[in-house]
Amino acid sequence: MLNAIDEDETFLRCICFSDEATFYVNGCVNRHNCHIWGTQQPNEIHEYVRGSPKMNVWCGLLYDRVIGPFFFSESTITGVVYLDLLEWYMFPQIETFEQETVSRVIFMQDGAPPHFSCFVTDILNERFPDAWIGRGGPIPWPPRSPDLSPLDFFLWRYIKNLQERITSAIGTVTRDMIQKTWQEIEFCLDVSRATNGACIEMY
């Protein structure tokens, strides 16, 4: 990738990085999106709760925009499910870009098994001839390469931090605030009665 940047300084700006992340209701972080850096083996232990409801999310990230999020209705992402995402969601999103941008997009995906099923690689070869990065692609991504996708070190981390901020904000709700809210509910009910049940907007 560095060699490609040396040859064309705009190369990195053409890449559409893509990735899926799993978010668990209990707040556990998908291990594939959690990195621990160190000069020696960190020997970290992560405990997981089995059976917690989860949601799989896909996003694409270009130099100047985010594609997504796309929420999978299926609990497991297979090659067929991933192909549907590409054909019915991702490709139409890219078609909305300016023509100059569309013609320069280089699609990148990691080596997850659904990504290199035959029908997925066939459609990528058709849609991005000689312009996609991944396992079995025209621009190969070597096995066991460091996962340096900006979705991992920026987007998923940002969203995770957003979840933490929301949790912290909810923790600041006081009993006094709730009691005032209940008084407001009574007021709303009185207004509703006075207007004979008409729709009202509260700000």
N, C-alpha and C. Protein backbone atom coordinates (compact mmCIF):
# COMPACT_ATOMS: atom_id res chain seq x y z
N MET A 1 0.84 -1.20 0.00
CA MET A 1 0.00 0.00 0.00
C MET A 1 0.87 1.25 0.00
N LEU A 2 1.97 1.20 0.78
CA LEU A 2 2.88 2.35 0.79
C LEU A 2 3.51 2.55 -0.58
N ASN A 3 3.85 1.45 -1.27
CA ASN A 3 4.39 1.57 -2.63
C ASN A 3 3.39 2.23 -3.57
N ALA A 4 2.10 1.84 -3.42
CA ALA A 4 1.05 2.43 -4.27
C ALA A 4 0.91 3.92 -4.00
N ILE A 5 1.04 4.31 -2.73
CA ILE A 5 0.96 5.73 -2.37
C ILE A 5 2.15 6.49 -2.94
N ASP A 6 3.34 5.84 -2.94
CA ASP A 6 4.52 6.48 -3.53
C ASP A 6 4.31 6.75 -5.02
N GLU A 7 3.62 5.82 -5.69
CA GLU A 7 3.37 5.98 -7.13
C GLU A 7 2.25 6.97 -7.41
N ASP A 8 1.25 7.00 -6.52
CA ASP A 8 0.10 7.88 -6.71
C ASP A 8 -0.32 8.40 -5.35
N GLU A 9 -0.03 9.66 -5.09
CA GLU A 9 -0.30 10.21 -3.75
C GLU A 9 -1.79 10.28 -3.42
N THR A 10 -2.66 10.13 -4.42
CA THR A 10 -4.10 10.14 -4.16
C THR A 10 -4.67 8.73 -3.93
N PHE A 11 -3.81 7.72 -3.99
CA PHE A 11 -4.27 6.32 -3.89
C PHE A 11 -5.13 6.09 -2.65
N LEU A 12 -4.66 6.53 -1.49
CA LEU A 12 -5.37 6.28 -0.24
C LEU A 12 -6.74 6.94 -0.23
N ARG A 13 -6.87 8.06 -0.95
CA ARG A 13 -8.15 8.77 -0.97
C ARG A 13 -9.19 8.05 -1.83
N CYS A 14 -8.75 7.07 -2.61
CA CYS A 14 -9.68 6.34 -3.49
C CYS A 14 -10.25 5.10 -2.82
N ILE A 15 -9.65 4.69 -1.70
CA ILE A 15 -10.05 3.42 -1.08
C ILE A 15 -11.33 3.57 -0.28
N CYS A 16 -12.23 2.63 -0.49
CA CYS A 16 -13.42 2.50 0.35
C CYS A 16 -13.16 1.32 1.27
N PHE A 17 -12.72 1.61 2.50
CA PHE A 17 -12.53 0.56 3.49
C PHE A 17 -13.91 0.07 3.93
N SER A 18 -14.04 -1.23 4.15
CA SER A 18 -15.33 -1.74 4.62
C SER A 18 -15.10 -2.76 5.71
N ASP A 19 -16.07 -2.88 6.60
CA ASP A 19 -15.92 -3.83 7.70
C ASP A 19 -17.26 -4.02 8.40
N GLU A 20 -17.37 -5.15 9.09
CA GLU A 20 -18.53 -5.39 9.93
C GLU A 20 -18.07 -5.37 11.38
N ALA A 21 -18.96 -4.99 12.26
CA ALA A 21 -18.69 -5.05 13.69
C ALA A 21 -19.91 -5.63 14.38
N THR A 22 -19.66 -6.32 15.48
CA THR A 22 -20.75 -6.90 16.26
C THR A 22 -20.89 -6.11 17.55
N PHE A 23 -22.10 -5.64 17.82
CA PHE A 23 -22.39 -4.92 19.05
C PHE A 23 -23.31 -5.78 19.90
N TYR A 24 -22.92 -6.03 21.14
CA TYR A 24 -23.71 -6.84 22.05
C TYR A 24 -24.53 -5.95 22.97
N VAL A 25 -25.73 -6.39 23.28
CA VAL A 25 -26.61 -5.62 24.17
C VAL A 25 -25.96 -5.44 25.54
N ASN A 26 -25.22 -6.45 26.00
CA ASN A 26 -24.62 -6.37 27.33
C ASN A 26 -23.36 -5.50 27.37
N GLY A 27 -23.00 -4.90 26.22
CA GLY A 27 -21.87 -3.98 26.19
C GLY A 27 -20.53 -4.61 25.87
N CYS A 28 -20.47 -5.94 25.71
CA CYS A 28 -19.21 -6.59 25.34
C CYS A 28 -18.77 -6.07 23.98
N VAL A 29 -17.47 -5.97 23.81
CA VAL A 29 -16.90 -5.48 22.55
C VAL A 29 -16.47 -6.67 21.71
N ASN A 30 -16.79 -6.63 20.44
CA ASN A 30 -16.35 -7.67 19.51
C ASN A 30 -14.83 -7.73 19.53
N ARG A 31 -14.26 -8.92 19.81
CA ARG A 31 -12.81 -9.03 19.95
C ARG A 31 -12.07 -8.64 18.69
N HIS A 32 -12.72 -8.74 17.52
CA HIS A 32 -12.05 -8.39 16.27
C HIS A 32 -11.87 -6.88 16.15
N ASN A 33 -12.57 -6.12 16.97
CA ASN A 33 -12.48 -4.66 16.90
C ASN A 33 -11.86 -4.09 18.17
N CYS A 34 -11.10 -4.90 18.87
CA CYS A 34 -10.47 -4.47 20.11
C CYS A 34 -8.98 -4.82 20.03
N HIS A 35 -8.12 -3.82 20.04
CA HIS A 35 -6.68 -4.05 19.89
C HIS A 35 -5.96 -3.65 21.16
N ILE A 36 -5.03 -4.49 21.58
CA ILE A 36 -4.17 -4.18 22.71
C ILE A 36 -2.75 -4.17 22.19
N TRP A 37 -2.09 -3.01 22.26
CA TRP A 37 -0.76 -2.85 21.71
C TRP A 37 0.27 -2.97 22.83
N GLY A 38 1.40 -3.57 22.51
CA GLY A 38 2.47 -3.68 23.49
C GLY A 38 3.72 -4.24 22.84
N THR A 39 4.87 -3.99 23.47
CA THR A 39 6.12 -4.53 22.94
C THR A 39 6.29 -5.99 23.34
N GLN A 40 5.52 -6.43 24.36
CA GLN A 40 5.55 -7.83 24.80
C GLN A 40 4.13 -8.35 24.85
N GLN A 41 3.99 -9.65 24.96
CA GLN A 41 2.66 -10.29 25.05
C GLN A 41 1.91 -9.69 26.25
N PRO A 42 0.76 -9.02 26.00
CA PRO A 42 0.06 -8.34 27.10
C PRO A 42 -0.65 -9.30 28.07
N ASN A 43 -0.92 -10.54 27.64
CA ASN A 43 -1.59 -11.53 28.50
C ASN A 43 -2.90 -11.01 29.09
N GLU A 44 -3.66 -10.30 28.25
CA GLU A 44 -4.95 -9.79 28.68
C GLU A 44 -5.99 -10.91 28.65
N ILE A 45 -6.94 -10.84 29.56
CA ILE A 45 -8.04 -11.81 29.60
C ILE A 45 -9.34 -11.07 29.37
N HIS A 46 -10.14 -11.56 28.44
CA HIS A 46 -11.44 -10.96 28.17
C HIS A 46 -12.51 -12.00 28.44
N GLU A 47 -13.48 -11.65 29.28
CA GLU A 47 -14.57 -12.56 29.57
C GLU A 47 -15.76 -12.20 28.71
N TYR A 48 -16.44 -13.21 28.21
CA TYR A 48 -17.60 -13.00 27.35
C TYR A 48 -18.81 -13.70 27.93
N VAL A 49 -19.95 -13.05 27.79
CA VAL A 49 -21.20 -13.64 28.23
C VAL A 49 -21.85 -14.30 27.02
N ARG A 50 -22.07 -15.59 27.10
CA ARG A 50 -22.66 -16.31 25.96
C ARG A 50 -24.16 -16.02 25.88
N GLY A 51 -24.63 -15.93 24.65
CA GLY A 51 -26.07 -15.80 24.44
C GLY A 51 -26.62 -14.39 24.54
N SER A 52 -25.74 -13.39 24.72
CA SER A 52 -26.24 -12.01 24.78
C SER A 52 -26.73 -11.60 23.40
N PRO A 53 -27.90 -10.94 23.32
CA PRO A 53 -28.39 -10.47 22.02
C PRO A 53 -27.35 -9.56 21.38
N LYS A 54 -27.23 -9.65 20.05
CA LYS A 54 -26.22 -8.86 19.35
C LYS A 54 -26.77 -8.32 18.05
N MET A 55 -26.05 -7.36 17.51
CA MET A 55 -26.41 -6.80 16.21
C MET A 55 -25.14 -6.65 15.39
N ASN A 56 -25.20 -7.13 14.15
CA ASN A 56 -24.08 -6.99 13.23
C ASN A 56 -24.31 -5.76 12.36
N VAL A 57 -23.29 -4.93 12.24
CA VAL A 57 -23.38 -3.67 11.51
C VAL A 57 -22.25 -3.59 10.49
N TRP A 58 -22.56 -3.11 9.29
CA TRP A 58 -21.55 -2.89 8.25
C TRP A 58 -21.47 -1.40 7.95
N CYS A 59 -20.25 -0.94 7.69
CA CYS A 59 -20.04 0.43 7.21
C CYS A 59 -18.92 0.44 6.20
N GLY A 60 -18.97 1.41 5.32
CA GLY A 60 -17.87 1.69 4.40
C GLY A 60 -17.34 3.08 4.74
N LEU A 61 -16.05 3.27 4.58
CA LEU A 61 -15.45 4.56 4.93
C LEU A 61 -14.53 5.01 3.81
N LEU A 62 -14.87 6.14 3.21
CA LEU A 62 -14.03 6.77 2.19
C LEU A 62 -13.37 8.00 2.78
N TYR A 63 -12.54 8.62 1.98
CA TYR A 63 -11.79 9.79 2.43
C TYR A 63 -12.70 10.90 2.95
N ASP A 64 -13.89 11.04 2.35
CA ASP A 64 -14.74 12.18 2.70
C ASP A 64 -16.15 11.81 3.13
N ARG A 65 -16.42 10.53 3.34
CA ARG A 65 -17.80 10.16 3.72
C ARG A 65 -17.86 8.75 4.29
N VAL A 66 -18.96 8.50 4.98
CA VAL A 66 -19.26 7.18 5.52
C VAL A 66 -20.44 6.61 4.74
N ILE A 67 -20.34 5.34 4.36
CA ILE A 67 -21.47 4.65 3.75
C ILE A 67 -22.06 3.77 4.84
N GLY A 68 -23.32 3.94 5.12
CA GLY A 68 -23.95 3.13 6.16
C GLY A 68 -24.44 4.02 7.29
N PRO A 69 -24.85 3.38 8.35
CA PRO A 69 -24.67 1.97 8.68
C PRO A 69 -25.71 1.07 8.01
N PHE A 70 -25.32 -0.18 7.82
CA PHE A 70 -26.24 -1.21 7.35
C PHE A 70 -26.36 -2.22 8.48
N PHE A 71 -27.59 -2.46 8.94
CA PHE A 71 -27.83 -3.40 10.03
C PHE A 71 -28.31 -4.73 9.45
N PHE A 72 -27.57 -5.78 9.72
CA PHE A 72 -27.96 -7.10 9.23
C PHE A 72 -29.14 -7.63 10.04
N SER A 73 -30.16 -8.14 9.37
CA SER A 73 -31.27 -8.77 10.08
C SER A 73 -30.91 -10.19 10.50
N GLU A 74 -29.94 -10.79 9.79
CA GLU A 74 -29.50 -12.14 10.12
C GLU A 74 -28.47 -12.10 11.25
N SER A 75 -28.46 -13.13 12.07
CA SER A 75 -27.51 -13.17 13.18
C SER A 75 -26.13 -13.63 12.72
N THR A 76 -26.07 -14.36 11.61
CA THR A 76 -24.80 -14.83 11.06
C THR A 76 -24.62 -14.29 9.65
N ILE A 77 -23.43 -13.76 9.37
CA ILE A 77 -23.15 -13.21 8.05
C ILE A 77 -22.51 -14.30 7.19
N THR A 78 -23.23 -14.75 6.21
CA THR A 78 -22.73 -15.75 5.27
C THR A 78 -22.35 -15.06 3.96
N GLY A 79 -21.80 -15.82 3.03
CA GLY A 79 -21.47 -15.27 1.72
C GLY A 79 -22.68 -14.72 1.01
N VAL A 80 -23.83 -15.42 1.12
CA VAL A 80 -25.06 -14.97 0.47
C VAL A 80 -25.56 -13.67 1.10
N VAL A 81 -25.52 -13.60 2.43
CA VAL A 81 -25.95 -12.40 3.15
C VAL A 81 -25.06 -11.22 2.77
N TYR A 82 -23.76 -11.46 2.70
CA TYR A 82 -22.82 -10.40 2.35
C TYR A 82 -23.02 -9.94 0.91
N LEU A 83 -23.27 -10.89 0.01
CA LEU A 83 -23.53 -10.55 -1.38
C LEU A 83 -24.77 -9.66 -1.50
N ASP A 84 -25.82 -9.97 -0.74
CA ASP A 84 -27.03 -9.14 -0.74
C ASP A 84 -26.71 -7.72 -0.29
N LEU A 85 -25.87 -7.60 0.75
CA LEU A 85 -25.45 -6.27 1.22
C LEU A 85 -24.79 -5.49 0.08
N LEU A 86 -23.88 -6.14 -0.63
CA LEU A 86 -23.17 -5.46 -1.72
C LEU A 86 -24.12 -5.03 -2.83
N GLU A 87 -24.96 -5.98 -3.27
CA GLU A 87 -25.80 -5.70 -4.44
C GLU A 87 -26.95 -4.75 -4.13
N TRP A 88 -27.56 -4.87 -2.97
CA TRP A 88 -28.79 -4.11 -2.68
C TRP A 88 -28.55 -2.86 -1.85
N TYR A 89 -27.36 -2.74 -1.25
CA TYR A 89 -27.11 -1.56 -0.42
C TYR A 89 -25.84 -0.81 -0.85
N MET A 90 -24.71 -1.51 -0.84
CA MET A 90 -23.44 -0.81 -1.07
C MET A 90 -23.29 -0.27 -2.48
N PHE A 91 -23.51 -1.11 -3.49
CA PHE A 91 -23.36 -0.65 -4.88
C PHE A 91 -24.28 0.53 -5.19
N PRO A 92 -25.57 0.48 -4.82
CA PRO A 92 -26.44 1.65 -5.09
C PRO A 92 -25.96 2.92 -4.37
N GLN A 93 -25.38 2.77 -3.17
CA GLN A 93 -24.85 3.94 -2.46
C GLN A 93 -23.72 4.58 -3.26
N ILE A 94 -22.82 3.75 -3.77
CA ILE A 94 -21.69 4.28 -4.54
C ILE A 94 -22.17 4.94 -5.83
N GLU A 95 -23.23 4.42 -6.42
CA GLU A 95 -23.75 5.00 -7.67
C GLU A 95 -24.25 6.43 -7.48
N THR A 96 -24.51 6.84 -6.23
CA THR A 96 -24.98 8.20 -5.98
C THR A 96 -23.82 9.20 -5.94
N PHE A 97 -22.58 8.72 -5.93
CA PHE A 97 -21.42 9.62 -5.89
C PHE A 97 -21.25 10.32 -7.23
N GLU A 98 -20.44 11.36 -7.23
CA GLU A 98 -20.08 12.02 -8.46
C GLU A 98 -19.37 11.01 -9.36
N GLN A 99 -19.57 11.12 -10.67
CA GLN A 99 -19.03 10.12 -11.61
C GLN A 99 -17.52 9.97 -11.48
N GLU A 100 -16.83 11.07 -11.26
CA GLU A 100 -15.37 11.01 -11.13
C GLU A 100 -14.96 10.17 -9.92
N THR A 101 -15.72 10.30 -8.82
CA THR A 101 -15.43 9.52 -7.61
C THR A 101 -15.73 8.05 -7.86
N VAL A 102 -16.88 7.76 -8.48
CA VAL A 102 -17.28 6.37 -8.75
C VAL A 102 -16.21 5.64 -9.54
N SER A 103 -15.67 6.29 -10.55
CA SER A 103 -14.71 5.64 -11.44
C SER A 103 -13.37 5.36 -10.75
N ARG A 104 -13.12 6.03 -9.61
CA ARG A 104 -11.82 5.87 -8.95
C ARG A 104 -11.89 5.02 -7.69
N VAL A 105 -13.08 4.59 -7.27
CA VAL A 105 -13.20 3.85 -6.01
C VAL A 105 -12.47 2.52 -6.09
N ILE A 106 -11.67 2.26 -5.06
CA ILE A 106 -11.02 0.96 -4.87
C ILE A 106 -11.63 0.36 -3.61
N PHE A 107 -12.33 -0.74 -3.77
CA PHE A 107 -13.05 -1.34 -2.65
C PHE A 107 -12.12 -2.26 -1.86
N MET A 108 -12.13 -2.12 -0.53
CA MET A 108 -11.29 -2.97 0.30
C MET A 108 -12.12 -3.70 1.33
N GLN A 109 -11.85 -5.00 1.47
CA GLN A 109 -12.49 -5.80 2.51
C GLN A 109 -11.44 -6.71 3.14
N ASP A 110 -11.72 -7.17 4.36
CA ASP A 110 -10.75 -8.05 5.02
C ASP A 110 -10.95 -9.50 4.58
N GLY A 111 -10.28 -10.41 5.25
CA GLY A 111 -10.30 -11.81 4.82
C GLY A 111 -11.34 -12.67 5.49
N ALA A 112 -12.42 -12.08 5.99
CA ALA A 112 -13.48 -12.88 6.62
C ALA A 112 -14.05 -13.86 5.60
N PRO A 113 -14.37 -15.09 6.01
CA PRO A 113 -14.85 -16.11 5.06
C PRO A 113 -15.97 -15.66 4.13
N PRO A 114 -16.99 -14.93 4.58
CA PRO A 114 -18.04 -14.52 3.63
C PRO A 114 -17.52 -13.63 2.50
N HIS A 115 -16.39 -12.97 2.71
CA HIS A 115 -15.88 -12.01 1.74
C HIS A 115 -15.20 -12.67 0.54
N PHE A 116 -14.78 -13.92 0.68
CA PHE A 116 -14.07 -14.53 -0.46
C PHE A 116 -14.80 -15.75 -1.01
N SER A 117 -16.12 -15.81 -0.78
CA SER A 117 -16.89 -16.85 -1.46
C SER A 117 -16.88 -16.54 -2.96
N CYS A 118 -17.03 -17.57 -3.77
CA CYS A 118 -16.87 -17.42 -5.23
C CYS A 118 -17.80 -16.35 -5.81
N PHE A 119 -19.08 -16.36 -5.39
CA PHE A 119 -20.01 -15.39 -5.99
C PHE A 119 -19.72 -13.97 -5.54
N VAL A 120 -19.13 -13.79 -4.36
CA VAL A 120 -18.75 -12.45 -3.91
C VAL A 120 -17.56 -11.95 -4.73
N THR A 121 -16.53 -12.78 -4.89
CA THR A 121 -15.36 -12.35 -5.67
C THR A 121 -15.74 -12.12 -7.13
N ASP A 122 -16.68 -12.92 -7.66
CA ASP A 122 -17.14 -12.72 -9.04
C ASP A 122 -17.79 -11.34 -9.22
N ILE A 123 -18.66 -10.98 -8.28
CA ILE A 123 -19.38 -9.70 -8.41
C ILE A 123 -18.41 -8.53 -8.20
N LEU A 124 -17.41 -8.70 -7.32
CA LEU A 124 -16.43 -7.64 -7.11
C LEU A 124 -15.55 -7.47 -8.35
N ASN A 125 -15.18 -8.59 -8.99
CA ASN A 125 -14.40 -8.51 -10.23
C ASN A 125 -15.18 -7.80 -11.33
N GLU A 126 -16.50 -8.01 -11.31
CA GLU A 126 -17.35 -7.37 -12.32
C GLU A 126 -17.54 -5.89 -12.02
N ARG A 127 -17.78 -5.58 -10.75
CA ARG A 127 -18.10 -4.20 -10.35
C ARG A 127 -16.85 -3.33 -10.21
N PHE A 128 -15.76 -3.92 -9.72
CA PHE A 128 -14.50 -3.18 -9.52
C PHE A 128 -13.36 -3.92 -10.23
N PRO A 129 -13.38 -3.97 -11.56
CA PRO A 129 -12.33 -4.72 -12.27
C PRO A 129 -10.94 -4.16 -11.93
N ASP A 130 -10.08 -5.04 -11.44
CA ASP A 130 -8.70 -4.67 -11.06
C ASP A 130 -8.65 -3.57 -10.00
N ALA A 131 -9.73 -3.38 -9.26
CA ALA A 131 -9.76 -2.27 -8.30
C ALA A 131 -10.42 -2.65 -6.99
N TRP A 132 -10.12 -3.84 -6.49
CA TRP A 132 -10.56 -4.16 -5.12
C TRP A 132 -9.44 -4.90 -4.40
N ILE A 133 -9.37 -4.64 -3.11
CA ILE A 133 -8.32 -5.18 -2.27
C ILE A 133 -8.94 -6.22 -1.35
N GLY A 134 -8.31 -7.38 -1.27
CA GLY A 134 -8.81 -8.42 -0.38
C GLY A 134 -8.27 -9.78 -0.77
N ARG A 135 -8.64 -10.75 0.00
CA ARG A 135 -8.20 -12.13 -0.25
C ARG A 135 -8.72 -12.60 -1.60
N GLY A 136 -7.82 -13.02 -2.47
CA GLY A 136 -8.21 -13.47 -3.79
C GLY A 136 -8.50 -12.35 -4.76
N GLY A 137 -8.23 -11.12 -4.37
CA GLY A 137 -8.54 -9.98 -5.22
C GLY A 137 -7.39 -9.59 -6.13
N PRO A 138 -7.66 -8.69 -7.06
CA PRO A 138 -6.60 -8.22 -7.96
C PRO A 138 -5.50 -7.46 -7.23
N ILE A 139 -5.85 -6.83 -6.10
CA ILE A 139 -4.86 -6.20 -5.24
C ILE A 139 -4.89 -7.02 -3.94
N PRO A 140 -3.97 -7.98 -3.80
CA PRO A 140 -4.07 -8.89 -2.66
C PRO A 140 -3.74 -8.21 -1.33
N TRP A 141 -4.38 -8.70 -0.30
CA TRP A 141 -4.07 -8.28 1.06
C TRP A 141 -3.43 -9.49 1.72
N PRO A 142 -2.13 -9.45 1.99
CA PRO A 142 -1.42 -10.65 2.44
C PRO A 142 -2.01 -11.25 3.72
N PRO A 143 -2.01 -12.58 3.82
CA PRO A 143 -2.51 -13.23 5.04
C PRO A 143 -1.74 -12.76 6.27
N ARG A 144 -2.44 -12.72 7.39
CA ARG A 144 -1.87 -12.32 8.68
C ARG A 144 -1.29 -10.91 8.68
N SER A 145 -1.81 -10.07 7.78
CA SER A 145 -1.39 -8.67 7.77
C SER A 145 -2.00 -7.95 8.97
N PRO A 146 -1.35 -6.90 9.46
CA PRO A 146 -1.99 -6.12 10.54
C PRO A 146 -3.28 -5.49 10.01
N ASP A 147 -4.30 -5.53 10.82
CA ASP A 147 -5.60 -4.97 10.40
C ASP A 147 -5.58 -3.48 10.69
N LEU A 148 -5.22 -2.69 9.69
CA LEU A 148 -5.07 -1.25 9.87
C LEU A 148 -6.23 -0.47 9.29
N SER A 149 -7.40 -1.10 9.20
CA SER A 149 -8.57 -0.42 8.67
C SER A 149 -8.98 0.73 9.59
N PRO A 150 -9.24 1.91 9.01
CA PRO A 150 -9.68 3.04 9.85
C PRO A 150 -11.03 2.78 10.52
N LEU A 151 -11.78 1.81 10.02
CA LEU A 151 -13.02 1.48 10.72
C LEU A 151 -12.70 0.91 12.10
N ASP A 152 -11.62 0.13 12.19
CA ASP A 152 -11.25 -0.45 13.48
C ASP A 152 -10.68 0.59 14.43
N PHE A 153 -9.72 1.39 13.94
CA PHE A 153 -9.07 2.29 14.90
C PHE A 153 -9.75 3.64 15.02
N PHE A 154 -10.78 3.91 14.19
CA PHE A 154 -11.53 5.17 14.34
C PHE A 154 -13.02 4.94 14.52
N LEU A 155 -13.70 4.44 13.48
CA LEU A 155 -15.17 4.48 13.47
C LEU A 155 -15.79 3.64 14.57
N TRP A 156 -15.41 2.35 14.65
CA TRP A 156 -16.04 1.50 15.68
C TRP A 156 -15.69 2.01 17.07
N ARG A 157 -14.46 2.50 17.25
CA ARG A 157 -14.07 3.03 18.57
C ARG A 157 -14.89 4.28 18.90
N TYR A 158 -15.08 5.13 17.89
CA TYR A 158 -15.88 6.35 18.10
C TYR A 158 -17.30 5.99 18.51
N ILE A 159 -17.89 5.02 17.81
CA ILE A 159 -19.26 4.61 18.14
C ILE A 159 -19.32 4.01 19.53
N LYS A 160 -18.32 3.20 19.88
CA LYS A 160 -18.28 2.60 21.21
C LYS A 160 -18.19 3.70 22.27
N ASN A 161 -17.36 4.72 22.02
CA ASN A 161 -17.26 5.83 22.96
C ASN A 161 -18.57 6.60 23.06
N LEU A 162 -19.27 6.70 21.92
CA LEU A 162 -20.58 7.36 21.92
C LEU A 162 -21.55 6.59 22.83
N GLN A 163 -21.50 5.25 22.76
CA GLN A 163 -22.34 4.42 23.62
C GLN A 163 -22.01 4.69 25.09
N GLU A 164 -20.72 4.82 25.38
CA GLU A 164 -20.31 5.10 26.76
C GLU A 164 -20.80 6.48 27.20
N ARG A 165 -20.75 7.47 26.29
CA ARG A 165 -21.21 8.82 26.64
C ARG A 165 -22.71 8.83 26.89
N ILE A 166 -23.46 8.07 26.08
CA ILE A 166 -24.91 7.99 26.29
C ILE A 166 -25.20 7.36 27.65
N THR A 167 -24.47 6.28 27.97
CA THR A 167 -24.66 5.61 29.26
C THR A 167 -24.34 6.56 30.40
N SER A 168 -23.25 7.34 30.26
CA SER A 168 -22.87 8.29 31.30
C SER A 168 -23.93 9.38 31.44
N ALA A 169 -24.45 9.87 30.29
CA ALA A 169 -25.46 10.93 30.33
C ALA A 169 -26.72 10.44 31.03
N ILE A 170 -27.13 9.21 30.75
CA ILE A 170 -28.32 8.67 31.42
C ILE A 170 -28.08 8.56 32.92
N GLY A 171 -26.83 8.29 33.30
CA GLY A 171 -26.50 8.20 34.72
C GLY A 171 -26.60 9.53 35.43
N THR A 172 -26.64 10.67 34.69
CA THR A 172 -26.76 11.98 35.33
C THR A 172 -28.20 12.40 35.59
N VAL A 173 -29.16 11.59 35.14
CA VAL A 173 -30.57 11.91 35.37
C VAL A 173 -30.86 11.76 36.86
N THR A 174 -31.35 12.84 37.48
CA THR A 174 -31.59 12.83 38.93
C THR A 174 -33.06 12.56 39.24
N ARG A 175 -33.32 12.24 40.50
CA ARG A 175 -34.70 12.01 40.95
C ARG A 175 -35.53 13.28 40.76
N ASP A 176 -34.91 14.45 41.02
CA ASP A 176 -35.61 15.72 40.85
C ASP A 176 -36.04 15.93 39.40
N MET A 177 -35.15 15.59 38.46
CA MET A 177 -35.48 15.72 37.04
C MET A 177 -36.65 14.81 36.68
N ILE A 178 -36.64 13.60 37.20
CA ILE A 178 -37.72 12.65 36.90
C ILE A 178 -39.05 13.15 37.46
N GLN A 179 -39.01 13.70 38.69
CA GLN A 179 -40.25 14.21 39.30
C GLN A 179 -40.82 15.37 38.48
N LYS A 180 -39.95 16.23 37.97
CA LYS A 180 -40.42 17.34 37.12
C LYS A 180 -41.01 16.81 35.82
N THR A 181 -40.42 15.72 35.33
CA THR A 181 -40.95 15.11 34.11
C THR A 181 -42.35 14.57 34.35
N TRP A 182 -42.56 13.97 35.53
CA TRP A 182 -43.90 13.45 35.84
C TRP A 182 -44.93 14.59 35.94
N GLN A 183 -44.49 15.74 36.45
CA GLN A 183 -45.39 16.90 36.48
C GLN A 183 -45.73 17.33 35.05
N GLU A 184 -44.74 17.26 34.18
CA GLU A 184 -44.94 17.62 32.78
C GLU A 184 -45.93 16.66 32.11
N ILE A 185 -45.83 15.37 32.48
CA ILE A 185 -46.78 14.39 31.91
C ILE A 185 -48.20 14.77 32.28
N GLU A 186 -48.42 15.17 33.54
CA GLU A 186 -49.76 15.57 33.98
C GLU A 186 -50.23 16.77 33.16
N PHE A 187 -49.33 17.73 32.92
CA PHE A 187 -49.68 18.90 32.12
C PHE A 187 -50.07 18.47 30.70
N CYS A 188 -49.28 17.56 30.12
CA CYS A 188 -49.58 17.07 28.77
C CYS A 188 -50.94 16.39 28.71
N LEU A 189 -51.25 15.65 29.73
CA LEU A 189 -52.56 14.97 29.77
C LEU A 189 -53.69 15.98 29.85
N ASP A 190 -53.49 17.04 30.65
CA ASP A 190 -54.50 18.11 30.74
C ASP A 190 -54.69 18.78 29.38
N VAL A 191 -53.57 19.06 28.68
CA VAL A 191 -53.65 19.68 27.35
C VAL A 191 -54.39 18.76 26.39
N SER A 192 -54.09 17.48 26.48
CA SER A 192 -54.73 16.50 25.59
C SER A 192 -56.24 16.47 25.82
N ARG A 193 -56.63 16.52 27.10
CA ARG A 193 -58.06 16.54 27.41
C ARG A 193 -58.71 17.81 26.89
N ALA A 194 -58.02 18.97 27.07
CA ALA A 194 -58.58 20.25 26.65
C ALA A 194 -58.72 20.33 25.13
N THR A 195 -57.83 19.64 24.39
CA THR A 195 -57.88 19.69 22.94
C THR A 195 -58.64 18.50 22.35
N ASN A 196 -59.34 17.78 23.24
CA ASN A 196 -60.16 16.64 22.80
C ASN A 196 -59.32 15.56 22.13
N GLY A 197 -58.10 15.34 22.63
CA GLY A 197 -57.24 14.26 22.12
C GLY A 197 -56.54 14.59 20.84
N ALA A 198 -56.47 15.87 20.44
CA ALA A 198 -55.77 16.23 19.21
C ALA A 198 -54.29 15.99 19.35
N CYS A 199 -53.63 15.80 18.23
CA CYS A 199 -52.19 15.58 18.25
C CYS A 199 -51.48 16.86 18.69
N ILE A 200 -50.54 16.71 19.58
CA ILE A 200 -49.76 17.87 20.04
C ILE A 200 -48.28 17.51 19.98
N GLU A 201 -47.46 18.50 19.73
CA GLU A 201 -45.99 18.31 19.70
C GLU A 201 -45.42 18.99 20.93
N MET A 202 -44.60 18.25 21.67
CA MET A 202 -43.97 18.81 22.85
C MET A 202 -42.50 19.10 22.54
N TYR A 203 -42.01 20.31 22.91
CA TYR A 203 -40.63 20.68 22.66
C TYR A 203 -39.91 20.95 23.98
